[in-house]
Amino acid sequence: MAASALSTSASMTGAGHEYAVVVDGGRQYRVMEGQELEIDFRHLAAGAELVFDDVLAVSKAGMLTIGKPKVKGATVKAEVLGLVQGQKIYVQKFKRRKNYRRRTGHRSLSTKIRIASITA
């Protein structure tokens, strides 16, 4: 399956900036070099390199390459910045007239990364 190339205007591609659409954890992220974002938790130390091979689209120099379903040979490399905790989420259980009330909560962990390079 070959990747198709479409020419798009600069306004559609973010005014000439290169970007890629990657899949991680069932979600799609539109990433650019130098961008910082939070992804699902991974057991990686700060400073480790993370490589995304599931690249759905790449835009470079005004050319948009869309994969069917993935762009062949395209990778996105990222540097792990560290772990972050999300906001506290409360879970409440309640049964009326039974004096039953429970309140628990948790803070999910995420991994913060910075996109280092996009290769296509």
PDB file of N, CA and C in Angstrom:
ATOM      1  N   MET A   1       0.829  -1.181   0.000  1.00  0.00           N
ATOM      2  CA  MET A   1       0.000   0.000   0.000  1.00  0.00           C
ATOM      3  C   MET A   1       0.871   1.241   0.000  1.00  0.00           C
ATOM      4  N   ALA A   2       0.753   2.042  -0.996  1.00  0.00           N
ATOM      5  CA  ALA A   2       1.562   3.244  -1.122  1.00  0.00           C
ATOM      6  C   ALA A   2       0.854   4.418  -0.475  1.00  0.00           C
ATOM      7  N   ALA A   3       1.620   5.364   0.002  1.00  0.00           N
ATOM      8  CA  ALA A   3       1.057   6.566   0.593  1.00  0.00           C
ATOM      9  C   ALA A   3       0.752   7.566  -0.511  1.00  0.00           C
ATOM     10  N   SER A   4      -0.356   8.232  -0.376  1.00  0.00           N
ATOM     11  CA  SER A   4      -0.708   9.234  -1.383  1.00  0.00           C
ATOM     12  C   SER A   4      -0.232  10.599  -0.911  1.00  0.00           C
ATOM     13  N   ALA A   5       0.086  11.476  -1.833  1.00  0.00           N
ATOM     14  CA  ALA A   5       0.547  12.817  -1.510  1.00  0.00           C
ATOM     15  C   ALA A   5      -0.451  13.818  -2.066  1.00  0.00           C
ATOM     16  N   LEU A   6      -0.863  14.720  -1.218  1.00  0.00           N
ATOM     17  CA  LEU A   6      -1.798  15.761  -1.610  1.00  0.00           C
ATOM     18  C   LEU A   6      -1.150  17.105  -1.357  1.00  0.00           C
ATOM     19  N   SER A   7      -1.364  18.057  -2.217  1.00  0.00           N
ATOM     20  CA  SER A   7      -0.853  19.400  -2.022  1.00  0.00           C
ATOM     21  C   SER A   7      -1.940  20.233  -1.361  1.00  0.00           C
ATOM     22  N   THR A   8      -1.586  20.888  -0.265  1.00  0.00           N
ATOM     23  CA  THR A   8      -2.552  21.714   0.445  1.00  0.00           C
ATOM     24  C   THR A   8      -1.984  23.106   0.603  1.00  0.00           C
ATOM     25  N   SER A   9      -2.842  24.046   0.921  1.00  0.00           N
ATOM     26  CA  SER A   9      -2.385  25.417   1.089  1.00  0.00           C
ATOM     27  C   SER A   9      -1.685  25.579   2.431  1.00  0.00           C
ATOM     28  N   ALA A  10      -0.921  26.668   2.568  1.00  0.00           N
ATOM     29  CA  ALA A  10      -0.160  26.904   3.793  1.00  0.00           C
ATOM     30  C   ALA A  10      -1.068  27.132   4.987  1.00  0.00           C
ATOM     31  N   SER A  11      -2.255  27.691   4.770  1.00  0.00           N
ATOM     32  CA  SER A  11      -3.148  27.943   5.896  1.00  0.00           C
ATOM     33  C   SER A  11      -3.674  26.646   6.487  1.00  0.00           C
ATOM     34  N   MET A  12      -3.823  25.616   5.669  1.00  0.00           N
ATOM     35  CA  MET A  12      -4.307  24.341   6.165  1.00  0.00           C
ATOM     36  C   MET A  12      -3.213  23.569   6.898  1.00  0.00           C
ATOM     37  N   THR A  13      -1.978  23.789   6.581  1.00  0.00           N
ATOM     38  CA  THR A  13      -0.880  23.044   7.194  1.00  0.00           C
ATOM     39  C   THR A  13      -0.255  23.779   8.361  1.00  0.00           C
ATOM     40  N   GLY A  14      -0.873  24.816   8.865  1.00  0.00           N
ATOM     41  CA  GLY A  14      -0.309  25.526  10.000  1.00  0.00           C
ATOM     42  C   GLY A  14       0.731  26.540   9.576  1.00  0.00           C
ATOM     43  N   ALA A  15       0.516  27.235   8.466  1.00  0.00           N
ATOM     44  CA  ALA A  15       1.377  28.301   7.961  1.00  0.00           C
ATOM     45  C   ALA A  15       2.795  27.819   7.709  1.00  0.00           C
ATOM     46  N   GLY A  16       2.938  26.651   7.044  1.00  0.00           N
ATOM     47  CA  GLY A  16       4.248  26.178   6.645  1.00  0.00           C
ATOM     48  C   GLY A  16       4.990  25.349   7.668  1.00  0.00           C
ATOM     49  N   HIS A  17       4.430  25.144   8.857  1.00  0.00           N
ATOM     50  CA  HIS A  17       5.101  24.320   9.863  1.00  0.00           C
ATOM     51  C   HIS A  17       4.881  22.860   9.536  1.00  0.00           C
ATOM     52  N   GLU A  18       5.880  22.045   9.842  1.00  0.00           N
ATOM     53  CA  GLU A  18       5.707  20.625   9.607  1.00  0.00           C
ATOM     54  C   GLU A  18       5.072  19.990  10.845  1.00  0.00           C
ATOM     55  N   TYR A  19       4.196  19.041  10.590  1.00  0.00           N
ATOM     56  CA  TYR A  19       3.507  18.350  11.675  1.00  0.00           C
ATOM     57  C   TYR A  19       3.238  16.925  11.250  1.00  0.00           C
ATOM     58  N   ALA A  20       2.825  16.126  12.227  1.00  0.00           N
ATOM     59  CA  ALA A  20       2.482  14.734  11.969  1.00  0.00           C
ATOM     60  C   ALA A  20       1.297  14.363  12.843  1.00  0.00           C
ATOM     61  N   VAL A  21       0.548  13.371  12.397  1.00  0.00           N
ATOM     62  CA  VAL A  21      -0.547  12.821  13.191  1.00  0.00           C
ATOM     63  C   VAL A  21      -0.133  11.415  13.589  1.00  0.00           C
ATOM     64  N   VAL A  22      -0.006  11.192  14.914  1.00  0.00           N
ATOM     65  CA  VAL A  22       0.436   9.895  15.422  1.00  0.00           C
ATOM     66  C   VAL A  22      -0.662   9.279  16.281  1.00  0.00           C
ATOM     67  N   VAL A  23      -0.608   7.947  16.398  1.00  0.00           N
ATOM     68  CA  VAL A  23      -1.560   7.217  17.228  1.00  0.00           C
ATOM     69  C   VAL A  23      -0.820   6.676  18.436  1.00  0.00           C
ATOM     70  N   ASP A  24      -1.385   6.912  19.624  1.00  0.00           N
ATOM     71  CA  ASP A  24      -0.818   6.356  20.846  1.00  0.00           C
ATOM     72  C   ASP A  24      -1.940   6.113  21.832  1.00  0.00           C
ATOM     73  N   GLY A  25      -2.045   4.886  22.298  1.00  0.00           N
ATOM     74  CA  GLY A  25      -3.054   4.564  23.302  1.00  0.00           C
ATOM     75  C   GLY A  25      -4.476   4.725  22.802  1.00  0.00           C
ATOM     76  N   GLY A  26      -4.707   4.491  21.510  1.00  0.00           N
ATOM     77  CA  GLY A  26      -6.052   4.616  20.970  1.00  0.00           C
ATOM     78  C   GLY A  26      -6.466   6.044  20.662  1.00  0.00           C
ATOM     79  N   ARG A  27      -5.568   7.003  20.858  1.00  0.00           N
ATOM     80  CA  ARG A  27      -5.875   8.401  20.575  1.00  0.00           C
ATOM     81  C   ARG A  27      -4.938   8.916  19.493  1.00  0.00           C
ATOM     82  N   GLN A  28      -5.410   9.902  18.760  1.00  0.00           N
ATOM     83  CA  GLN A  28      -4.606  10.518  17.712  1.00  0.00           C
ATOM     84  C   GLN A  28      -4.149  11.891  18.187  1.00  0.00           C
ATOM     85  N   TYR A  29      -2.877  12.175  17.970  1.00  0.00           N
ATOM     86  CA  TYR A  29      -2.296  13.449  18.372  1.00  0.00           C
ATOM     87  C   TYR A  29      -1.694  14.120  17.148  1.00  0.00           C
ATOM     88  N   ARG A  30      -1.957  15.421  16.989  1.00  0.00           N
ATOM     89  CA  ARG A  30      -1.318  16.227  15.942  1.00  0.00           C
ATOM     90  C   ARG A  30      -0.135  16.901  16.619  1.00  0.00           C
ATOM     91  N   VAL A  31       1.080  16.528  16.213  1.00  0.00           N
ATOM     92  CA  VAL A  31       2.278  16.986  16.909  1.00  0.00           C
ATOM     93  C   VAL A  31       3.186  17.767  15.982  1.00  0.00           C
ATOM     94  N   MET A  32       3.927  18.705  16.555  1.00  0.00           N
ATOM     95  CA  MET A  32       4.922  19.499  15.840  1.00  0.00           C
ATOM     96  C   MET A  32       6.223  19.420  16.628  1.00  0.00           C
ATOM     97  N   GLU A  33       7.350  19.659  15.968  1.00  0.00           N
ATOM     98  CA  GLU A  33       8.643  19.613  16.650  1.00  0.00           C
ATOM     99  C   GLU A  33       8.689  20.661  17.746  1.00  0.00           C
ATOM    100  N   GLY A  34       9.200  20.248  18.921  1.00  0.00           N
ATOM    101  CA  GLY A  34       9.298  21.150  20.063  1.00  0.00           C
ATOM    102  C   GLY A  34       8.052  21.196  20.926  1.00  0.00           C
ATOM    103  N   GLN A  35       6.972  20.588  20.485  1.00  0.00           N
ATOM    104  CA  GLN A  35       5.717  20.607  21.234  1.00  0.00           C
ATOM    105  C   GLN A  35       5.809  19.667  22.437  1.00  0.00           C
ATOM    106  N   GLU A  36       5.225  20.101  23.555  1.00  0.00           N
ATOM    107  CA  GLU A  36       5.162  19.261  24.748  1.00  0.00           C
ATOM    108  C   GLU A  36       3.727  18.798  24.933  1.00  0.00           C
ATOM    109  N   LEU A  37       3.555  17.514  25.256  1.00  0.00           N
ATOM    110  CA  LEU A  37       2.219  17.002  25.501  1.00  0.00           C
ATOM    111  C   LEU A  37       2.275  15.852  26.486  1.00  0.00           C
ATOM    112  N   GLU A  38       1.105  15.498  27.021  1.00  0.00           N
ATOM    113  CA  GLU A  38       0.992  14.418  27.992  1.00  0.00           C
ATOM    114  C   GLU A  38       0.306  13.237  27.328  1.00  0.00           C
ATOM    115  N   ILE A  39       0.920  12.062  27.494  1.00  0.00           N
ATOM    116  CA  ILE A  39       0.361  10.831  26.952  1.00  0.00           C
ATOM    117  C   ILE A  39       0.121   9.866  28.104  1.00  0.00           C
ATOM    118  N   ASP A  40      -0.419   8.690  27.802  1.00  0.00           N
ATOM    119  CA  ASP A  40      -0.657   7.691  28.826  1.00  0.00           C
ATOM    120  C   ASP A  40       0.643   7.309  29.521  1.00  0.00           C
ATOM    121  N   PHE A  41       0.516   6.843  30.762  1.00  0.00           N
ATOM    122  CA  PHE A  41       1.665   6.526  31.596  1.00  0.00           C
ATOM    123  C   PHE A  41       2.528   5.433  30.979  1.00  0.00           C
ATOM    124  N   ARG A  42       3.831   5.660  30.999  1.00  0.00           N
ATOM    125  CA  ARG A  42       4.814   4.665  30.569  1.00  0.00           C
ATOM    126  C   ARG A  42       5.896   4.604  31.630  1.00  0.00           C
ATOM    127  N   HIS A  43       6.440   3.420  31.836  1.00  0.00           N
ATOM    128  CA  HIS A  43       7.538   3.251  32.793  1.00  0.00           C
ATOM    129  C   HIS A  43       8.850   3.643  32.121  1.00  0.00           C
ATOM    130  N   LEU A  44       9.067   4.929  31.918  1.00  0.00           N
ATOM    131  CA  LEU A  44      10.282   5.444  31.292  1.00  0.00           C
ATOM    132  C   LEU A  44      10.867   6.540  32.179  1.00  0.00           C
ATOM    133  N   ALA A  45      12.169   6.563  32.274  1.00  0.00           N
ATOM    134  CA  ALA A  45      12.838   7.593  33.056  1.00  0.00           C
ATOM    135  C   ALA A  45      12.916   8.888  32.253  1.00  0.00           C
ATOM    136  N   ALA A  46      13.077   9.996  32.969  1.00  0.00           N
ATOM    137  CA  ALA A  46      13.233  11.289  32.303  1.00  0.00           C
ATOM    138  C   ALA A  46      14.500  11.260  31.461  1.00  0.00           C
ATOM    139  N   GLY A  47      14.424  11.761  30.246  1.00  0.00           N
ATOM    140  CA  GLY A  47      15.557  11.776  29.334  1.00  0.00           C
ATOM    141  C   GLY A  47      15.558  10.615  28.352  1.00  0.00           C
ATOM    142  N   ALA A  48      14.684   9.635  28.558  1.00  0.00           N
ATOM    143  CA  ALA A  48      14.612   8.498  27.644  1.00  0.00           C
ATOM    144  C   ALA A  48      13.983   8.926  26.322  1.00  0.00           C
ATOM    145  N   GLU A  49      14.287   8.159  25.268  1.00  0.00           N
ATOM    146  CA  GLU A  49      13.732   8.452  23.950  1.00  0.00           C
ATOM    147  C   GLU A  49      12.546   7.535  23.680  1.00  0.00           C
ATOM    148  N   LEU A  50      11.506   8.100  23.094  1.00  0.00           N
ATOM    149  CA  LEU A  50      10.295   7.369  22.752  1.00  0.00           C
ATOM    150  C   LEU A  50      10.062   7.541  21.253  1.00  0.00           C
ATOM    151  N   VAL A  51       9.799   6.442  20.553  1.00  0.00           N
ATOM    152  CA  VAL A  51       9.619   6.495  19.102  1.00  0.00           C
ATOM    153  C   VAL A  51       8.198   6.051  18.765  1.00  0.00           C
ATOM    154  N   PHE A  52       7.486   6.866  17.999  1.00  0.00           N
ATOM    155  CA  PHE A  52       6.147   6.543  17.525  1.00  0.00           C
ATOM    156  C   PHE A  52       6.264   6.081  16.076  1.00  0.00           C
ATOM    157  N   ASP A  53       5.862   4.836  15.808  1.00  0.00           N
ATOM    158  CA  ASP A  53       5.906   4.292  14.454  1.00  0.00           C
ATOM    159  C   ASP A  53       4.557   4.381  13.748  1.00  0.00           C
ATOM    160  N   ASP A  54       3.484   4.540  14.523  1.00  0.00           N
ATOM    161  CA  ASP A  54       2.143   4.632  13.941  1.00  0.00           C
ATOM    162  C   ASP A  54       1.863   6.076  13.540  1.00  0.00           C
ATOM    163  N   VAL A  55       2.327   6.465  12.361  1.00  0.00           N
ATOM    164  CA  VAL A  55       2.157   7.828  11.854  1.00  0.00           C
ATOM    165  C   VAL A  55       1.114   7.783  10.747  1.00  0.00           C
ATOM    166  N   LEU A  56       0.020   8.513  10.930  1.00  0.00           N
ATOM    167  CA  LEU A  56      -1.074   8.505   9.968  1.00  0.00           C
ATOM    168  C   LEU A  56      -0.903   9.539   8.869  1.00  0.00           C
ATOM    169  N   ALA A  57      -0.270  10.672   9.188  1.00  0.00           N
ATOM    170  CA  ALA A  57      -0.097  11.733   8.197  1.00  0.00           C
ATOM    171  C   ALA A  57       1.133  12.558   8.559  1.00  0.00           C
ATOM    172  N   VAL A  58       1.800  13.084   7.530  1.00  0.00           N
ATOM    173  CA  VAL A  58       2.968  13.938   7.726  1.00  0.00           C
ATOM    174  C   VAL A  58       2.843  15.118   6.775  1.00  0.00           C
ATOM    175  N   SER A  59       3.079  16.325   7.290  1.00  0.00           N
ATOM    176  CA  SER A  59       3.079  17.523   6.461  1.00  0.00           C
ATOM    177  C   SER A  59       4.464  18.151   6.542  1.00  0.00           C
ATOM    178  N   LYS A  60       5.150  18.215   5.392  1.00  0.00           N
ATOM    179  CA  LYS A  60       6.471  18.834   5.322  1.00  0.00           C
ATOM    180  C   LYS A  60       6.534  19.704   4.081  1.00  0.00           C
ATOM    181  N   ALA A  61       7.018  20.918   4.234  1.00  0.00           N
ATOM    182  CA  ALA A  61       7.234  21.861   3.122  1.00  0.00           C
ATOM    183  C   ALA A  61       5.980  22.033   2.274  1.00  0.00           C
ATOM    184  N   GLY A  62       4.837  22.110   2.924  1.00  0.00           N
ATOM    185  CA  GLY A  62       3.590  22.336   2.200  1.00  0.00           C
ATOM    186  C   GLY A  62       2.987  21.105   1.562  1.00  0.00           C
ATOM    187  N   MET A  63       3.641  19.947   1.662  1.00  0.00           N
ATOM    188  CA  MET A  63       3.109  18.708   1.104  1.00  0.00           C
ATOM    189  C   MET A  63       2.555  17.834   2.231  1.00  0.00           C
ATOM    190  N   LEU A  64       1.329  17.410   2.075  1.00  0.00           N
ATOM    191  CA  LEU A  64       0.681  16.549   3.054  1.00  0.00           C
ATOM    192  C   LEU A  64       0.685  15.120   2.530  1.00  0.00           C
ATOM    193  N   THR A  65       1.290  14.213   3.296  1.00  0.00           N
ATOM    194  CA  THR A  65       1.331  12.804   2.935  1.00  0.00           C
ATOM    195  C   THR A  65       0.414  12.055   3.885  1.00  0.00           C
ATOM    196  N   ILE A  66      -0.584  11.399   3.313  1.00  0.00           N
ATOM    197  CA  ILE A  66      -1.549  10.655   4.114  1.00  0.00           C
ATOM    198  C   ILE A  66      -1.324   9.175   3.870  1.00  0.00           C
ATOM    199  N   GLY A  67      -1.187   8.411   4.944  1.00  0.00           N
ATOM    200  CA  GLY A  67      -0.938   6.986   4.828  1.00  0.00           C
ATOM    201  C   GLY A  67      -2.213   6.201   4.627  1.00  0.00           C
ATOM    202  N   LYS A  68      -2.042   4.968   4.157  1.00  0.00           N
ATOM    203  CA  LYS A  68      -3.174   4.072   3.948  1.00  0.00           C
ATOM    204  C   LYS A  68      -2.894   2.749   4.627  1.00  0.00           C
ATOM    205  N   PRO A  69      -3.032   2.531   5.892  1.00  0.00           N
ATOM    206  CA  PRO A  69      -3.442   3.483   6.927  1.00  0.00           C
ATOM    207  C   PRO A  69      -2.281   4.250   7.545  1.00  0.00           C
ATOM    208  N   LYS A  70      -1.027   3.766   7.357  1.00  0.00           N
ATOM    209  CA  LYS A  70       0.129   4.436   7.949  1.00  0.00           C
ATOM    210  C   LYS A  70       1.086   4.891   6.856  1.00  0.00           C
ATOM    211  N   VAL A  71       1.870   5.933   7.171  1.00  0.00           N
ATOM    212  CA  VAL A  71       2.885   6.426   6.243  1.00  0.00           C
ATOM    213  C   VAL A  71       4.114   5.536   6.390  1.00  0.00           C
ATOM    214  N   LYS A  72       4.550   4.926   5.286  1.00  0.00           N
ATOM    215  CA  LYS A  72       5.696   4.021   5.328  1.00  0.00           C
ATOM    216  C   LYS A  72       6.974   4.777   5.657  1.00  0.00           C
ATOM    217  N   GLY A  73       7.739   4.234   6.592  1.00  0.00           N
ATOM    218  CA  GLY A  73       9.032   4.805   6.939  1.00  0.00           C
ATOM    219  C   GLY A  73       8.979   6.055   7.789  1.00  0.00           C
ATOM    220  N   ALA A  74       7.811   6.521   8.161  1.00  0.00           N
ATOM    221  CA  ALA A  74       7.700   7.741   8.961  1.00  0.00           C
ATOM    222  C   ALA A  74       7.760   7.393  10.444  1.00  0.00           C
ATOM    223  N   THR A  75       8.541   8.159  11.185  1.00  0.00           N
ATOM    224  CA  THR A  75       8.635   8.003  12.630  1.00  0.00           C
ATOM    225  C   THR A  75       8.654   9.373  13.285  1.00  0.00           C
ATOM    226  N   VAL A  76       8.196   9.402  14.511  1.00  0.00           N
ATOM    227  CA  VAL A  76       8.249  10.613  15.320  1.00  0.00           C
ATOM    228  C   VAL A  76       9.001  10.253  16.593  1.00  0.00           C
ATOM    229  N   LYS A  77      10.088  10.982  16.864  1.00  0.00           N
ATOM    230  CA  LYS A  77      10.891  10.729  18.061  1.00  0.00           C
ATOM    231  C   LYS A  77      10.588  11.793  19.092  1.00  0.00           C
ATOM    232  N   ALA A  78      10.469  11.334  20.348  1.00  0.00           N
ATOM    233  CA  ALA A  78      10.159  12.246  21.443  1.00  0.00           C
ATOM    234  C   ALA A  78      11.075  11.969  22.621  1.00  0.00           C
ATOM    235  N   GLU A  79      11.288  12.990  23.437  1.00  0.00           N
ATOM    236  CA  GLU A  79      12.099  12.872  24.649  1.00  0.00           C
ATOM    237  C   GLU A  79      11.160  12.920  25.848  1.00  0.00           C
ATOM    238  N   VAL A  80      11.350  11.998  26.788  1.00  0.00           N
ATOM    239  CA  VAL A  80      10.518  11.952  27.989  1.00  0.00           C
ATOM    240  C   VAL A  80      11.004  13.024  28.955  1.00  0.00           C
ATOM    241  N   LEU A  81      10.083  13.888  29.394  1.00  0.00           N
ATOM    242  CA  LEU A  81      10.423  14.951  30.338  1.00  0.00           C
ATOM    243  C   LEU A  81      10.190  14.522  31.776  1.00  0.00           C
ATOM    244  N   GLY A  82       9.260  13.597  31.984  1.00  0.00           N
ATOM    245  CA  GLY A  82       8.981  13.128  33.339  1.00  0.00           C
ATOM    246  C   GLY A  82       7.537  12.712  33.487  1.00  0.00           C
ATOM    247  N   LEU A  83       7.180  12.395  34.721  1.00  0.00           N
ATOM    248  CA  LEU A  83       5.819  11.975  35.036  1.00  0.00           C
ATOM    249  C   LEU A  83       5.054  13.132  35.651  1.00  0.00           C
ATOM    250  N   VAL A  84       3.772  13.205  35.355  1.00  0.00           N
ATOM    251  CA  VAL A  84       2.897  14.220  35.948  1.00  0.00           C
ATOM    252  C   VAL A  84       1.625  13.535  36.430  1.00  0.00           C
ATOM    253  N   GLN A  85       1.032  14.119  37.455  1.00  0.00           N
ATOM    254  CA  GLN A  85      -0.225  13.602  37.975  1.00  0.00           C
ATOM    255  C   GLN A  85      -1.367  14.464  37.464  1.00  0.00           C
ATOM    256  N   GLY A  86      -2.471  13.828  37.125  1.00  0.00           N
ATOM    257  CA  GLY A  86      -3.647  14.554  36.676  1.00  0.00           C
ATOM    258  C   GLY A  86      -4.419  15.127  37.847  1.00  0.00           C
ATOM    259  N   GLN A  87      -5.527  15.773  37.539  1.00  0.00           N
ATOM    260  CA  GLN A  87      -6.375  16.307  38.597  1.00  0.00           C
ATOM    261  C   GLN A  87      -7.039  15.175  39.352  1.00  0.00           C
ATOM    262  N   LYS A  88      -7.402  15.438  40.600  1.00  0.00           N
ATOM    263  CA  LYS A  88      -8.038  14.410  41.415  1.00  0.00           C
ATOM    264  C   LYS A  88      -9.462  14.183  40.923  1.00  0.00           C
ATOM    265  N   ILE A  89      -9.790  12.913  40.776  1.00  0.00           N
ATOM    266  CA  ILE A  89     -11.129  12.523  40.359  1.00  0.00           C
ATOM    267  C   ILE A  89     -11.789  11.821  41.539  1.00  0.00           C
ATOM    268  N   TYR A  90     -12.975  12.278  41.926  1.00  0.00           N
ATOM    269  CA  TYR A  90     -13.691  11.703  43.057  1.00  0.00           C
ATOM    270  C   TYR A  90     -14.745  10.720  42.569  1.00  0.00           C
ATOM    271  N   VAL A  91     -14.861   9.616  43.285  1.00  0.00           N
ATOM    272  CA  VAL A  91     -15.876   8.612  43.010  1.00  0.00           C
ATOM    273  C   VAL A  91     -16.722   8.497  44.263  1.00  0.00           C
ATOM    274  N   GLN A  92     -18.034   8.685  44.118  1.00  0.00           N
ATOM    275  CA  GLN A  92     -18.926   8.622  45.278  1.00  0.00           C
ATOM    276  C   GLN A  92     -19.945   7.516  45.098  1.00  0.00           C
ATOM    277  N   LYS A  93     -20.185   6.790  46.198  1.00  0.00           N
ATOM    278  CA  LYS A  93     -21.237   5.783  46.222  1.00  0.00           C
ATOM    279  C   LYS A  93     -22.229   6.217  47.280  1.00  0.00           C
ATOM    280  N   PHE A  94     -23.494   6.006  47.016  1.00  0.00           N
ATOM    281  CA  PHE A  94     -24.528   6.469  47.937  1.00  0.00           C
ATOM    282  C   PHE A  94     -25.748   5.574  47.808  1.00  0.00           C
ATOM    283  N   LYS A  95     -26.270   5.125  48.956  1.00  0.00           N
ATOM    284  CA  LYS A  95     -27.549   4.401  48.984  1.00  0.00           C
ATOM    285  C   LYS A  95     -28.468   5.123  49.948  1.00  0.00           C
ATOM    286  N   ARG A  96     -29.589   5.537  49.443  1.00  0.00           N
ATOM    287  CA  ARG A  96     -30.481   6.338  50.273  1.00  0.00           C
ATOM    288  C   ARG A  96     -31.073   5.505  51.407  1.00  0.00           C
ATOM    289  N   ARG A  97     -31.313   6.176  52.506  1.00  0.00           N
ATOM    290  CA  ARG A  97     -31.948   5.634  53.718  1.00  0.00           C
ATOM    291  C   ARG A  97     -31.184   4.487  54.354  1.00  0.00           C
ATOM    292  N   LYS A  98     -29.965   4.247  53.968  1.00  0.00           N
ATOM    293  CA  LYS A  98     -29.187   3.132  54.525  1.00  0.00           C
ATOM    294  C   LYS A  98     -27.930   3.605  55.251  1.00  0.00           C
ATOM    295  N   ASN A  99     -27.725   4.912  55.323  1.00  0.00           N
ATOM    296  CA  ASN A  99     -26.532   5.493  55.940  1.00  0.00           C
ATOM    297  C   ASN A  99     -25.261   4.937  55.297  1.00  0.00           C
ATOM    298  N   TYR A 100     -25.296   4.797  53.969  1.00  0.00           N
ATOM    299  CA  TYR A 100     -24.168   4.262  53.207  1.00  0.00           C
ATOM    300  C   TYR A 100     -23.645   5.347  52.285  1.00  0.00           C
ATOM    301  N   ARG A 101     -22.474   5.857  52.621  1.00  0.00           N
ATOM    302  CA  ARG A 101     -21.834   6.877  51.786  1.00  0.00           C
ATOM    303  C   ARG A 101     -20.344   6.575  51.726  1.00  0.00           C
ATOM    304  N   ARG A 102     -19.804   6.491  50.530  1.00  0.00           N
ATOM    305  CA  ARG A 102     -18.378   6.247  50.346  1.00  0.00           C
ATOM    306  C   ARG A 102     -17.838   7.267  49.336  1.00  0.00           C
ATOM    307  N   ARG A 103     -16.688   7.802  49.653  1.00  0.00           N
ATOM    308  CA  ARG A 103     -16.064   8.749  48.729  1.00  0.00           C
ATOM    309  C   ARG A 103     -14.585   8.394  48.619  1.00  0.00           C
ATOM    310  N   THR A 104     -14.180   8.048  47.416  1.00  0.00           N
ATOM    311  CA  THR A 104     -12.777   7.753  47.158  1.00  0.00           C
ATOM    312  C   THR A 104     -12.335   8.604  45.976  1.00  0.00           C
ATOM    313  N   GLY A 105     -11.056   8.649  45.771  1.00  0.00           N
ATOM    314  CA  GLY A 105     -10.546   9.421  44.648  1.00  0.00           C
ATOM    315  C   GLY A 105      -9.208   8.891  44.191  1.00  0.00           C
ATOM    316  N   HIS A 106      -8.796   9.335  43.025  1.00  0.00           N
ATOM    317  CA  HIS A 106      -7.489   8.942  42.512  1.00  0.00           C
ATOM    318  C   HIS A 106      -6.973  10.019  41.568  1.00  0.00           C
ATOM    319  N   ARG A 107      -5.661  10.003  41.377  1.00  0.00           N
ATOM    320  CA  ARG A 107      -5.003  10.897  40.428  1.00  0.00           C
ATOM    321  C   ARG A 107      -4.216  10.026  39.476  1.00  0.00           C
ATOM    322  N   SER A 108      -4.612  10.010  38.214  1.00  0.00           N
ATOM    323  CA  SER A 108      -3.941   9.160  37.244  1.00  0.00           C
ATOM    324  C   SER A 108      -2.603   9.775  36.824  1.00  0.00           C
ATOM    325  N   LEU A 109      -1.650   8.908  36.541  1.00  0.00           N
ATOM    326  CA  LEU A 109      -0.326   9.347  36.103  1.00  0.00           C
ATOM    327  C   LEU A 109      -0.288   9.470  34.589  1.00  0.00           C
ATOM    328  N   SER A 110       0.477  10.445  34.113  1.00  0.00           N
ATOM    329  CA  SER A 110       0.712  10.639  32.685  1.00  0.00           C
ATOM    330  C   SER A 110       2.210  10.819  32.475  1.00  0.00           C
ATOM    331  N   THR A 111       2.647  10.635  31.251  1.00  0.00           N
ATOM    332  CA  THR A 111       4.035  10.863  30.887  1.00  0.00           C
ATOM    333  C   THR A 111       4.107  12.108  30.025  1.00  0.00           C
ATOM    334  N   LYS A 112       4.932  13.066  30.427  1.00  0.00           N
ATOM    335  CA  LYS A 112       5.091  14.302  29.659  1.00  0.00           C
ATOM    336  C   LYS A 112       6.262  14.135  28.702  1.00  0.00           C
ATOM    337  N   ILE A 113       6.034  14.469  27.424  1.00  0.00           N
ATOM    338  CA  ILE A 113       7.063  14.297  26.405  1.00  0.00           C
ATOM    339  C   ILE A 113       7.231  15.578  25.596  1.00  0.00           C
ATOM    340  N   ARG A 114       8.391  15.693  24.933  1.00  0.00           N
ATOM    341  CA  ARG A 114       8.647  16.783  23.992  1.00  0.00           C
ATOM    342  C   ARG A 114       9.035  16.150  22.658  1.00  0.00           C
ATOM    343  N   ILE A 115       8.378  16.586  21.582  1.00  0.00           N
ATOM    344  CA  ILE A 115       8.641  16.028  20.256  1.00  0.00           C
ATOM    345  C   ILE A 115      10.000  16.536  19.786  1.00  0.00           C
ATOM    346  N   ALA A 116      10.902  15.597  19.487  1.00  0.00           N
ATOM    347  CA  ALA A 116      12.266  15.956  19.079  1.00  0.00           C
ATOM    348  C   ALA A 116      12.392  16.065  17.567  1.00  0.00           C
ATOM    349  N   SER A 117      11.859  15.078  16.827  1.00  0.00           N
ATOM    350  CA  SER A 117      12.015  15.127  15.380  1.00  0.00           C
ATOM    351  C   SER A 117      10.888  14.349  14.693  1.00  0.00           C
ATOM    352  N   ILE A 118      10.605  14.774  13.472  1.00  0.00           N
ATOM    353  CA  ILE A 118       9.625  14.097  12.615  1.00  0.00           C
ATOM    354  C   ILE A 118      10.359  13.711  11.343  1.00  0.00           C
ATOM    355  N   THR A 119      10.408  12.410  11.051  1.00  0.00           N
ATOM    356  CA  THR A 119      11.070  11.953   9.829  1.00  0.00           C
ATOM    357  C   THR A 119      10.060  11.224   8.957  1.00  0.00           C
ATOM    358  N   ALA A 120      10.120  11.475   7.673  1.00  0.00           N
ATOM    359  CA  ALA A 120       9.185  10.830   6.746  1.00  0.00           C
ATOM    360  C   ALA A 120       9.940  10.245   5.568  1.00  0.00           C
TER     361      ALA A 120
END
